[in-house]
C-alpha atoms as a PDB file:
ATOM      1  CA  MET A   1     110.034  22.608  33.067  1.00  0.00           C
ATOM      2  CA  SER A   2     110.433  19.182  31.517  1.00  0.00           C
ATOM      3  CA  GLY A   3     111.407  17.804  34.934  1.00  0.00           C
ATOM      4  CA  SER A   4     107.992  18.625  36.374  1.00  0.00           C
ATOM      5  CA  GLY A   5     106.311  15.799  34.397  1.00  0.00           C
ATOM      6  CA  PRO A   6     107.682  12.933  36.512  1.00  0.00           C
ATOM      7  CA  ILE A   7     107.020  14.884  39.709  1.00  0.00           C
ATOM      8  CA  ARG A   8     103.456  15.585  38.611  1.00  0.00           C
ATOM      9  CA  ARG A   9     102.895  11.915  37.757  1.00  0.00           C
ATOM     10  CA  ALA A  10     104.338  10.854  41.117  1.00  0.00           C
ATOM     11  CA  LEU A  11     102.060  13.310  42.884  1.00  0.00           C
ATOM     12  CA  ILE A  12      99.041  12.037  40.941  1.00  0.00           C
ATOM     13  CA  ALA A  13     100.008   8.441  41.780  1.00  0.00           C
ATOM     14  CA  LEU A  14     100.289   9.349  45.458  1.00  0.00           C
ATOM     15  CA  LEU A  15      96.904  11.091  45.405  1.00  0.00           C
ATOM     16  CA  MET A  16      95.305   8.114  43.647  1.00  0.00           C
ATOM     17  CA  CYS A  17      96.729   5.705  46.224  1.00  0.00           C
ATOM     18  CA  CYS A  18      95.367   7.885  49.016  1.00  0.00           C
ATOM     19  CA  ALA A  19      91.978   8.031  47.300  1.00  0.00           C
ATOM     20  CA  LEU A  20      91.935   4.254  46.883  1.00  0.00           C
ATOM     21  CA  LEU A  21      92.945   3.737  50.477  1.00  0.00           C
ATOM     22  CA  GLY A  22      90.270   6.193  51.606  1.00  0.00           C
ATOM     23  CA  GLY A  23      87.708   4.366  49.476  1.00  0.00           C
ATOM     24  CA  ALA A  24      88.681   1.062  51.029  1.00  0.00           C
ATOM     25  CA  VAL A  25      88.305   2.527  54.524  1.00  0.00           C
ATOM     26  CA  ALA A  26      84.964   4.103  53.603  1.00  0.00           C
ATOM     27  CA  CYS A  27      83.679   0.724  52.416  1.00  0.00           C
ATOM     28  CA  GLY A  28      84.251  -0.853  55.832  1.00  0.00           C
ATOM     29  CA  ASN A  29      81.481  -2.759  57.576  1.00  0.00           C
ATOM     30  CA  ASP A  30      79.381  -0.453  59.747  1.00  0.00           C
ATOM     31  CA  SER A  31      77.615  -2.853  62.081  1.00  0.00           C
ATOM     32  CA  SER A  32      75.569  -0.117  63.761  1.00  0.00           C
ATOM     33  CA  SER A  33      73.730   0.824  60.551  1.00  0.00           C
ATOM     34  CA  SER A  34      73.144  -2.755  59.419  1.00  0.00           C
ATOM     35  CA  ALA A  35      71.639  -3.685  62.785  1.00  0.00           C
ATOM     36  CA  ALA A  36      68.940  -1.038  62.367  1.00  0.00           C
ATOM     37  CA  THR A  37      67.284  -2.853  59.469  1.00  0.00           C
ATOM     38  CA  PRO A  38      65.495  -6.198  59.725  1.00  0.00           C
ATOM     39  CA  THR A  39      67.564  -7.697  56.882  1.00  0.00           C
ATOM     40  CA  GLY A  40      70.819  -6.066  58.014  1.00  0.00           C
ATOM     41  CA  SER A  41      72.816  -9.262  58.383  1.00  0.00           C
ATOM     42  CA  ALA A  42      71.769 -10.780  55.058  1.00  0.00           C
ATOM     43  CA  GLN A  43      72.234  -7.422  53.326  1.00  0.00           C
ATOM     44  CA  ALA A  44      75.685  -6.949  54.862  1.00  0.00           C
ATOM     45  CA  GLN A  45      76.748 -10.416  53.700  1.00  0.00           C
ATOM     46  CA  LYS A  46      75.484  -9.745  50.180  1.00  0.00           C
ATOM     47  CA  PHE A  47      77.360  -6.452  49.999  1.00  0.00           C
ATOM     48  CA  ALA A  48      80.467  -8.066  51.500  1.00  0.00           C
ATOM     49  CA  LYS A  49      80.556 -10.604  48.674  1.00  0.00           C
ATOM     50  CA  THR A  50      79.831  -7.946  46.052  1.00  0.00           C
ATOM     51  CA  ARG A  51      82.627  -5.698  47.290  1.00  0.00           C
ATOM     52  CA  PHE A  52      84.972  -8.686  47.586  1.00  0.00           C
ATOM     53  CA  VAL A  53      84.264  -9.674  43.964  1.00  0.00           C
ATOM     54  CA  ALA A  54      84.762  -6.094  42.740  1.00  0.00           C
ATOM     55  CA  ASN A  55      88.049  -5.547  44.579  1.00  0.00           C
ATOM     56  CA  ALA A  56      89.500  -8.982  43.808  1.00  0.00           C
ATOM     57  CA  GLY A  57      88.450  -8.609  40.160  1.00  0.00           C
ATOM     58  CA  LEU A  58      90.254  -5.267  39.859  1.00  0.00           C
ATOM     59  CA  ALA A  59      93.381  -6.753  41.472  1.00  0.00           C
ATOM     60  CA  ALA A  60      93.271  -9.721  39.101  1.00  0.00           C
ATOM     61  CA  GLY A  61      92.726  -7.535  36.043  1.00  0.00           C
ATOM     62  CA  ALA A  62      95.559  -5.144  36.950  1.00  0.00           C
ATOM     63  CA  THR A  63      97.926  -8.025  37.650  1.00  0.00           C
ATOM     64  CA  TYR A  64      97.244  -9.757  34.364  1.00  0.00           C
ATOM     65  CA  GLN A  65      97.111  -6.644  32.176  1.00  0.00           C
ATOM     66  CA  TRP A  66     100.129  -4.751  33.500  1.00  0.00           C
ATOM     67  CA  ILE A  67     102.333  -7.362  35.170  1.00  0.00           C
ATOM     68  CA  VAL A  68     101.846 -10.860  33.743  1.00  0.00           C
ATOM     69  CA  LYS A  69     101.155  -9.987  30.099  1.00  0.00           C
ATOM     70  CA  PRO A  70     104.068  -7.540  29.682  1.00  0.00           C
ATOM     71  CA  TYR A  71     106.411  -9.903  31.537  1.00  0.00           C
ATOM     72  CA  ARG A  72     105.529 -12.779  29.207  1.00  0.00           C
ATOM     73  CA  ALA A  73     105.964 -10.453  26.206  1.00  0.00           C
ATOM     74  CA  GLY A  74     109.502  -9.615  27.360  1.00  0.00           C
ATOM     75  CA  LYS A  75     108.732  -5.948  28.117  1.00  0.00           C
ATOM     76  CA  PHE A  76     110.692  -6.049  31.384  1.00  0.00           C
ATOM     77  CA  LYS A  77     113.966  -7.241  29.805  1.00  0.00           C
ATOM     78  CA  LYS A  78     116.845  -4.797  29.511  1.00  0.00           C
ATOM     79  CA  GLY A  79     116.805  -3.112  26.124  1.00  0.00           C
ATOM     80  CA  ALA A  80     113.140  -3.899  25.395  1.00  0.00           C
ATOM     81  CA  ASP A  81     111.131  -1.166  23.675  1.00  0.00           C
ATOM     82  CA  GLY A  82     108.965   0.641  26.195  1.00  0.00           C
ATOM     83  CA  ARG A  83     110.662  -1.083  29.152  1.00  0.00           C
ATOM     84  CA  THR A  84     110.663   1.940  31.460  1.00  0.00           C
ATOM     85  CA  PHE A  85     107.000   2.693  30.834  1.00  0.00           C
ATOM     86  CA  ALA A  86     106.084  -0.986  31.274  1.00  0.00           C
ATOM     87  CA  LEU A  87     107.996  -1.157  34.555  1.00  0.00           C
ATOM     88  CA  VAL A  88     106.372   1.999  35.917  1.00  0.00           C
ATOM     89  CA  LYS A  89     102.916   0.691  35.001  1.00  0.00           C
ATOM     90  CA  ALA A  90     103.749  -2.695  36.513  1.00  0.00           C
ATOM     91  CA  GLY A  91     104.874  -1.004  39.718  1.00  0.00           C
ATOM     92  CA  LEU A  92     101.672   1.009  39.900  1.00  0.00           C
ATOM     93  CA  ALA A  93      99.635  -2.090  39.077  1.00  0.00           C
ATOM     94  CA  GLY A  94     101.442  -4.042  41.789  1.00  0.00           C
ATOM     95  CA  THR A  95     100.685  -1.389  44.380  1.00  0.00           C
ATOM     96  CA  PHE A  96      97.099  -1.105  43.141  1.00  0.00           C
ATOM     97  CA  ALA A  97      96.606  -4.903  43.197  1.00  0.00           C
ATOM     98  CA  TYR A  98      98.021  -5.169  46.715  1.00  0.00           C
ATOM     99  CA  ASN A  99      95.672  -2.399  47.881  1.00  0.00           C
ATOM    100  CA  ARG A 100      92.620  -4.011  46.247  1.00  0.00           C
ATOM    101  CA  LEU A 101      93.513  -7.454  47.648  1.00  0.00           C
ATOM    102  CA  LYS A 102      93.761  -6.000  51.148  1.00  0.00           C
ATOM    103  CA  ALA A 103      90.365  -4.350  50.617  1.00  0.00           C
ATOM    104  CA  ALA A 104      88.929  -7.653  49.340  1.00  0.00           C
ATOM    105  CA  VAL A 105      90.116  -9.483  52.463  1.00  0.00           C
ATOM    106  CA  ASN A 106      88.560  -6.746  54.580  1.00  0.00           C
ATOM    107  CA  ASN A 107      85.301  -7.065  52.604  1.00  0.00           C
ATOM    108  CA  ALA A 108      85.335 -10.839  53.103  1.00  0.00           C
ATOM    109  CA  LYS A 109      85.082 -10.335  56.866  1.00  0.00           C
ATOM    110  CA  GLY A 110      81.404  -9.427  56.357  1.00  0.00           C
ATOM    111  CA  ASP A 111      80.531 -12.949  55.190  1.00  0.00           C
ATOM    112  CA  PRO A 112      81.373 -15.904  57.468  1.00  0.00           C
ATOM    113  CA  LEU A 113      81.940 -18.443  54.671  1.00  0.00           C
ATOM    114  CA  LEU A 114      83.989 -16.049  52.551  1.00  0.00           C
ATOM    115  CA  SER A 115      85.976 -14.904  55.583  1.00  0.00           C
ATOM    116  CA  LYS A 116      86.908 -18.484  56.396  1.00  0.00           C
ATOM    117  CA  ALA A 117      87.915 -19.189  52.782  1.00  0.00           C
ATOM    118  CA  VAL A 118      90.086 -16.074  52.464  1.00  0.00           C
ATOM    119  CA  ALA A 119      91.713 -16.125  55.924  1.00  0.00           C
ATOM    120  CA  PRO A 120      94.610 -18.439  54.964  1.00  0.00           C
ATOM    121  CA  LEU A 121      95.583 -16.084  52.108  1.00  0.00           C
ATOM    122  CA  THR A 122      96.483 -13.035  54.180  1.00  0.00           C
ATOM    123  CA  ALA A 123     100.163 -14.003  54.498  1.00  0.00           C
ATOM    124  CA  GLY A 124     100.443 -14.450  50.728  1.00  0.00           C
ATOM    125  CA  ILE A 125      98.838 -11.063  50.139  1.00  0.00           C
ATOM    126  CA  GLU A 126     101.176  -9.428  52.661  1.00  0.00           C
ATOM    127  CA  SER A 127     104.146 -10.926  50.796  1.00  0.00           C
ATOM    128  CA  LEU A 128     103.174  -8.792  47.769  1.00  0.00           C
ATOM    129  CA  LYS A 129     103.579  -5.534  49.676  1.00  0.00           C
ATOM    130  CA  SER A 130     107.053  -4.674  48.381  1.00  0.00           C
ATOM    131  CA  LEU A 131     106.711  -6.189  44.911  1.00  0.00           C
ATOM    132  CA  GLY A 132     105.234  -3.006  43.411  1.00  0.00           C
ATOM    133  CA  THR A 133     108.472  -1.159  44.167  1.00  0.00           C
ATOM    134  CA  LYS A 134     110.538  -4.097  42.959  1.00  0.00           C
ATOM    135  CA  LEU A 135     108.643  -4.133  39.651  1.00  0.00           C
ATOM    136  CA  ARG A 136     108.970  -0.375  39.208  1.00  0.00           C
ATOM    137  CA  LYS A 137     112.743  -0.570  39.721  1.00  0.00           C
ATOM    138  CA  GLY A 138     113.086  -3.435  37.252  1.00  0.00           C
ATOM    139  CA  ASP A 139     114.274  -5.876  39.907  1.00  0.00           C
ATOM    140  CA  ALA A 140     111.383  -8.335  39.547  1.00  0.00           C
ATOM    141  CA  SER A 141     112.063 -11.935  38.601  1.00  0.00           C
ATOM    142  CA  ALA A 142     109.898 -14.689  37.188  1.00  0.00           C
ATOM    143  CA  ALA A 143     109.301 -15.829  40.780  1.00  0.00           C
ATOM    144  CA  ASP A 144     107.984 -12.373  41.716  1.00  0.00           C
ATOM    145  CA  VAL A 145     105.571 -12.305  38.781  1.00  0.00           C
ATOM    146  CA  GLY A 146     104.586 -15.871  39.654  1.00  0.00           C
ATOM    147  CA  ALA A 147     103.888 -14.804  43.246  1.00  0.00           C
ATOM    148  CA  PHE A 148     101.335 -12.283  41.997  1.00  0.00           C
ATOM    149  CA  GLU A 149      99.738 -14.889  39.744  1.00  0.00           C
ATOM    150  CA  ASP A 150      99.594 -17.457  42.557  1.00  0.00           C
ATOM    151  CA  VAL A 151      98.006 -15.083  45.061  1.00  0.00           C
ATOM    152  CA  ILE A 152      95.416 -13.933  42.519  1.00  0.00           C
ATOM    153  CA  THR A 153      94.585 -17.555  41.628  1.00  0.00           C
ATOM    154  CA  ASN A 154      94.248 -18.460  45.313  1.00  0.00           C
ATOM    155  CA  VAL A 155      91.968 -15.485  45.998  1.00  0.00           C
ATOM    156  CA  LYS A 156      89.799 -16.373  42.993  1.00  0.00           C
ATOM    157  CA  ASP A 157      89.592 -20.008  44.124  1.00  0.00           C
ATOM    158  CA  ALA A 158      88.708 -18.987  47.692  1.00  0.00           C
ATOM    159  CA  GLY A 159      85.983 -16.690  46.410  1.00  0.00           C
ATOM    160  CA  LYS A 160      84.592 -19.394  44.140  1.00  0.00           C
ATOM    161  CA  SER A 161      84.483 -21.903  47.006  1.00  0.00           C
ATOM    162  CA  ALA A 162      82.421 -19.394  49.014  1.00  0.00           C
ATOM    163  CA  GLY A 163      80.043 -18.582  46.177  1.00  0.00           C
ATOM    164  CA  ALA A 164      81.731 -15.324  45.155  1.00  0.00           C
ATOM    165  CA  VAL A 165      83.066 -15.901  41.641  1.00  0.00           C
ATOM    166  CA  VAL A 166      85.780 -13.384  40.736  1.00  0.00           C
ATOM    167  CA  THR A 167      86.338 -12.319  37.136  1.00  0.00           C
ATOM    168  CA  ASP A 168      89.161 -10.101  35.915  1.00  0.00           C
ATOM    169  CA  LYS A 169      88.250  -6.429  35.581  1.00  0.00           C
ATOM    170  CA  VAL A 170      91.022  -4.339  34.072  1.00  0.00           C
ATOM    171  CA  PRO A 171      91.189  -0.956  35.773  1.00  0.00           C
ATOM    172  CA  SER A 172      91.821   2.116  33.661  1.00  0.00           C
ATOM    173  CA  THR A 173      95.250   3.674  33.558  1.00  0.00           C
ATOM    174  CA  SER A 174      93.899   6.623  35.535  1.00  0.00           C
ATOM    175  CA  GLN A 175      92.770   4.247  38.293  1.00  0.00           C
ATOM    176  CA  LEU A 176      96.372   3.084  38.585  1.00  0.00           C
ATOM    177  CA  GLY A 177      97.477   6.661  39.067  1.00  0.00           C
ATOM    178  CA  GLY A 178      99.304   7.010  35.734  1.00  0.00           C
END
């Protein structure tokens, strides 16, 4: 039964991704409920920024902790101790970061200033879609790791310019699905 471990982990990762995706959908802007309250618009904008900061912070933390740091430490090089584990975590972190960045962009739509600041970044975020798999397979290059860093930096800068300062928040390993 030693072969069931990787299958179980893959199943857990899949379930976690579905849960994260479901959470992102559940956090969507419901304009009908916000219109019922007198401060609906201001409240919706406040929550949009808060959710943006939370999601972008988790993406930034995952990227730095499980992609950038191990890459700089040489953990992705052939023959490195713990390479396989580092690559699997990096792949999960890449997928997680992509998911959280997409959620952050969706959250930003609730605030006009933030939406305008983040809009130009959607193509860069979309370019990260396949990098999680590339990292997991060990096919990532310095340019791929740099792409994650650049997108995270751009999202943080866009948030800051709109009054939504993003700080890194490292998600737990269980949040990554591992």
